[in-house]
Amino acid sequence: MLKEVNREELQSALGKGVQLVVFFAEWCGPCKMYKQSLEALSEAQGIDILRVNIDKERDLSIEHRVSSIPLTEIYVDGEMVETVSGYLPFEQIQAVVLKHF
């Protein structure tokens, strides 16, 4: 499931298992393409993907040191284990995520 979240929702949502946090912007072309890969990944792996709009959550983006978008943070049991910058097609993001199962 893809869900756009704010700071409070992000903090309460991170928990057990593998989760992705993706920083994006509505005006970002690669972010729009990436959303399709993320939807396919969510369906295939049954994982939650939390999306943070950098224009709405500027402070959160600064705290996470977002310098380019899309930026994907991979969490396992609430702890960030990997960061991936830029657009990835479905097969590539799936391969990255499967390393953490």
C-alpha atoms as a PDB file:
ATOM      1  CA  MET A   1       0.000   0.000   0.000  1.00  0.00           C
ATOM      2  CA  LEU A   2       1.248   3.480  -0.872  1.00  0.00           C
ATOM      3  CA  LYS A   3       0.322   6.165   1.614  1.00  0.00           C
ATOM      4  CA  GLU A   4       1.304   9.827   1.783  1.00  0.00           C
ATOM      5  CA  VAL A   5       2.273  10.682   5.357  1.00  0.00           C
ATOM      6  CA  ASN A   6       3.299  13.647   7.475  1.00  0.00           C
ATOM      7  CA  ARG A   7       5.872  13.662  10.291  1.00  0.00           C
ATOM      8  CA  GLU A   8       3.557  12.282  12.983  1.00  0.00           C
ATOM      9  CA  GLU A   9       2.126   9.576  10.738  1.00  0.00           C
ATOM     10  CA  LEU A  10       5.622   8.534   9.664  1.00  0.00           C
ATOM     11  CA  GLN A  11       6.863   8.189  13.227  1.00  0.00           C
ATOM     12  CA  SER A  12       3.882   6.091  14.286  1.00  0.00           C
ATOM     13  CA  ALA A  13       3.874   3.950  11.113  1.00  0.00           C
ATOM     14  CA  LEU A  14       7.465   2.715  11.246  1.00  0.00           C
ATOM     15  CA  GLY A  15       7.509  -0.637  12.945  1.00  0.00           C
ATOM     16  CA  LYS A  16       7.883  -4.347  12.275  1.00  0.00           C
ATOM     17  CA  GLY A  17       9.076  -5.776   8.999  1.00  0.00           C
ATOM     18  CA  VAL A  18      10.369  -4.105   5.851  1.00  0.00           C
ATOM     19  CA  GLN A  19       9.020  -0.669   4.981  1.00  0.00           C
ATOM     20  CA  LEU A  20       9.984   1.986   2.474  1.00  0.00           C
ATOM     21  CA  VAL A  21       9.877   5.743   2.990  1.00  0.00           C
ATOM     22  CA  VAL A  22       9.988   7.653  -0.290  1.00  0.00           C
ATOM     23  CA  PHE A  23      10.563  11.406  -0.461  1.00  0.00           C
ATOM     24  CA  PHE A  24       8.971  12.946  -3.566  1.00  0.00           C
ATOM     25  CA  ALA A  25       7.367  16.045  -5.087  1.00  0.00           C
ATOM     26  CA  GLU A  26       4.278  16.334  -7.278  1.00  0.00           C
ATOM     27  CA  TRP A  27       6.229  18.316  -9.909  1.00  0.00           C
ATOM     28  CA  CYS A  28       9.034  15.730 -10.181  1.00  0.00           C
ATOM     29  CA  GLY A  29       8.903  13.692 -13.405  1.00  0.00           C
ATOM     30  CA  PRO A  30      11.062  10.795 -12.164  1.00  0.00           C
ATOM     31  CA  CYS A  31       8.924  10.666  -8.991  1.00  0.00           C
ATOM     32  CA  LYS A  32       5.799  10.152 -11.095  1.00  0.00           C
ATOM     33  CA  MET A  33       7.465   7.315 -13.016  1.00  0.00           C
ATOM     34  CA  TYR A  34       8.781   5.813  -9.770  1.00  0.00           C
ATOM     35  CA  LYS A  35       5.279   5.716  -8.284  1.00  0.00           C
ATOM     36  CA  GLN A  36       4.365   3.009 -10.811  1.00  0.00           C
ATOM     37  CA  SER A  37       7.350   0.890  -9.742  1.00  0.00           C
ATOM     38  CA  LEU A  38       6.405   1.383  -6.093  1.00  0.00           C
ATOM     39  CA  GLU A  39       2.780   0.379  -6.666  1.00  0.00           C
ATOM     40  CA  ALA A  40       3.940  -2.823  -8.378  1.00  0.00           C
ATOM     41  CA  LEU A  41       6.428  -3.494  -5.560  1.00  0.00           C
ATOM     42  CA  SER A  42       3.797  -2.975  -2.882  1.00  0.00           C
ATOM     43  CA  GLU A  43       1.463  -5.436  -4.607  1.00  0.00           C
ATOM     44  CA  ALA A  44       4.165  -8.029  -5.289  1.00  0.00           C
ATOM     45  CA  GLN A  45       5.771  -7.969  -1.828  1.00  0.00           C
ATOM     46  CA  GLY A  46       2.867  -6.834   0.353  1.00  0.00           C
ATOM     47  CA  ILE A  47       4.901  -4.073   1.977  1.00  0.00           C
ATOM     48  CA  ASP A  48       3.883  -0.620   3.125  1.00  0.00           C
ATOM     49  CA  ILE A  49       5.388   2.282   1.231  1.00  0.00           C
ATOM     50  CA  LEU A  50       5.156   5.618   2.991  1.00  0.00           C
ATOM     51  CA  ARG A  51       5.501   8.684   0.778  1.00  0.00           C
ATOM     52  CA  VAL A  52       6.635  12.078   2.091  1.00  0.00           C
ATOM     53  CA  ASN A  53       5.917  15.157  -0.040  1.00  0.00           C
ATOM     54  CA  ILE A  54       8.975  17.395   0.358  1.00  0.00           C
ATOM     55  CA  ASP A  55       6.958  20.529  -0.409  1.00  0.00           C
ATOM     56  CA  LYS A  56       4.548  19.822   2.454  1.00  0.00           C
ATOM     57  CA  GLU A  57       7.130  18.407   4.890  1.00  0.00           C
ATOM     58  CA  ARG A  58      10.190  20.621   4.366  1.00  0.00           C
ATOM     59  CA  ASP A  59      11.567  20.232   7.897  1.00  0.00           C
ATOM     60  CA  LEU A  60      11.282  16.449   7.738  1.00  0.00           C
ATOM     61  CA  SER A  61      13.063  16.452   4.372  1.00  0.00           C
ATOM     62  CA  ILE A  62      15.893  18.525   5.834  1.00  0.00           C
ATOM     63  CA  GLU A  63      16.215  16.189   8.834  1.00  0.00           C
ATOM     64  CA  HIS A  64      16.517  13.212   6.472  1.00  0.00           C
ATOM     65  CA  ARG A  65      19.092  15.103   4.378  1.00  0.00           C
ATOM     66  CA  VAL A  66      17.091  14.852   1.175  1.00  0.00           C
ATOM     67  CA  SER A  67      19.196  16.488  -1.541  1.00  0.00           C
ATOM     68  CA  SER A  68      17.615  14.840  -4.590  1.00  0.00           C
ATOM     69  CA  ILE A  69      14.328  13.119  -5.307  1.00  0.00           C
ATOM     70  CA  PRO A  70      13.007  10.556  -5.407  1.00  0.00           C
ATOM     71  CA  LEU A  71      14.873   9.343  -2.344  1.00  0.00           C
ATOM     72  CA  THR A  72      14.024   5.944  -0.859  1.00  0.00           C
ATOM     73  CA  GLU A  73      14.872   4.921   2.682  1.00  0.00           C
ATOM     74  CA  ILE A  74      14.517   1.224   3.511  1.00  0.00           C
ATOM     75  CA  TYR A  75      13.621   0.340   7.099  1.00  0.00           C
ATOM     76  CA  VAL A  76      13.700  -3.056   8.799  1.00  0.00           C
ATOM     77  CA  ASP A  77      11.893  -3.248  12.140  1.00  0.00           C
ATOM     78  CA  GLY A  78      11.933   0.547  12.418  1.00  0.00           C
ATOM     79  CA  GLU A  79      15.656   0.992  11.694  1.00  0.00           C
ATOM     80  CA  MET A  80      16.931   2.531   8.447  1.00  0.00           C
ATOM     81  CA  VAL A  81      19.221   0.029   6.713  1.00  0.00           C
ATOM     82  CA  GLU A  82      19.677   1.457   3.211  1.00  0.00           C
ATOM     83  CA  THR A  83      19.112   4.591   1.142  1.00  0.00           C
ATOM     84  CA  VAL A  84      18.580   4.658  -2.616  1.00  0.00           C
ATOM     85  CA  SER A  85      18.606   7.887  -4.616  1.00  0.00           C
ATOM     86  CA  GLY A  86      16.777   8.370  -7.910  1.00  0.00           C
ATOM     87  CA  TYR A  87      14.262   6.499 -10.018  1.00  0.00           C
ATOM     88  CA  LEU A  88      14.516   2.713 -10.209  1.00  0.00           C
ATOM     89  CA  PRO A  89      12.410   0.459 -12.425  1.00  0.00           C
ATOM     90  CA  PHE A  90      10.368  -2.219 -10.662  1.00  0.00           C
ATOM     91  CA  GLU A  91      12.918  -5.023 -11.110  1.00  0.00           C
ATOM     92  CA  GLN A  92      15.745  -2.963  -9.626  1.00  0.00           C
ATOM     93  CA  ILE A  93      13.878  -1.654  -6.584  1.00  0.00           C
ATOM     94  CA  GLN A  94      12.489  -5.142  -5.963  1.00  0.00           C
ATOM     95  CA  ALA A  95      16.029  -6.597  -5.987  1.00  0.00           C
ATOM     96  CA  VAL A  96      17.185  -3.945  -3.499  1.00  0.00           C
ATOM     97  CA  VAL A  97      14.245  -4.579  -1.168  1.00  0.00           C
ATOM     98  CA  LEU A  98      14.456  -8.393  -1.324  1.00  0.00           C
ATOM     99  CA  LYS A  99      17.944  -8.247   0.217  1.00  0.00           C
ATOM    100  CA  HIS A 100      16.277  -7.192   3.465  1.00  0.00           C
ATOM    101  CA  PHE A 101      13.723  -9.999   3.812  1.00  0.00           C
END
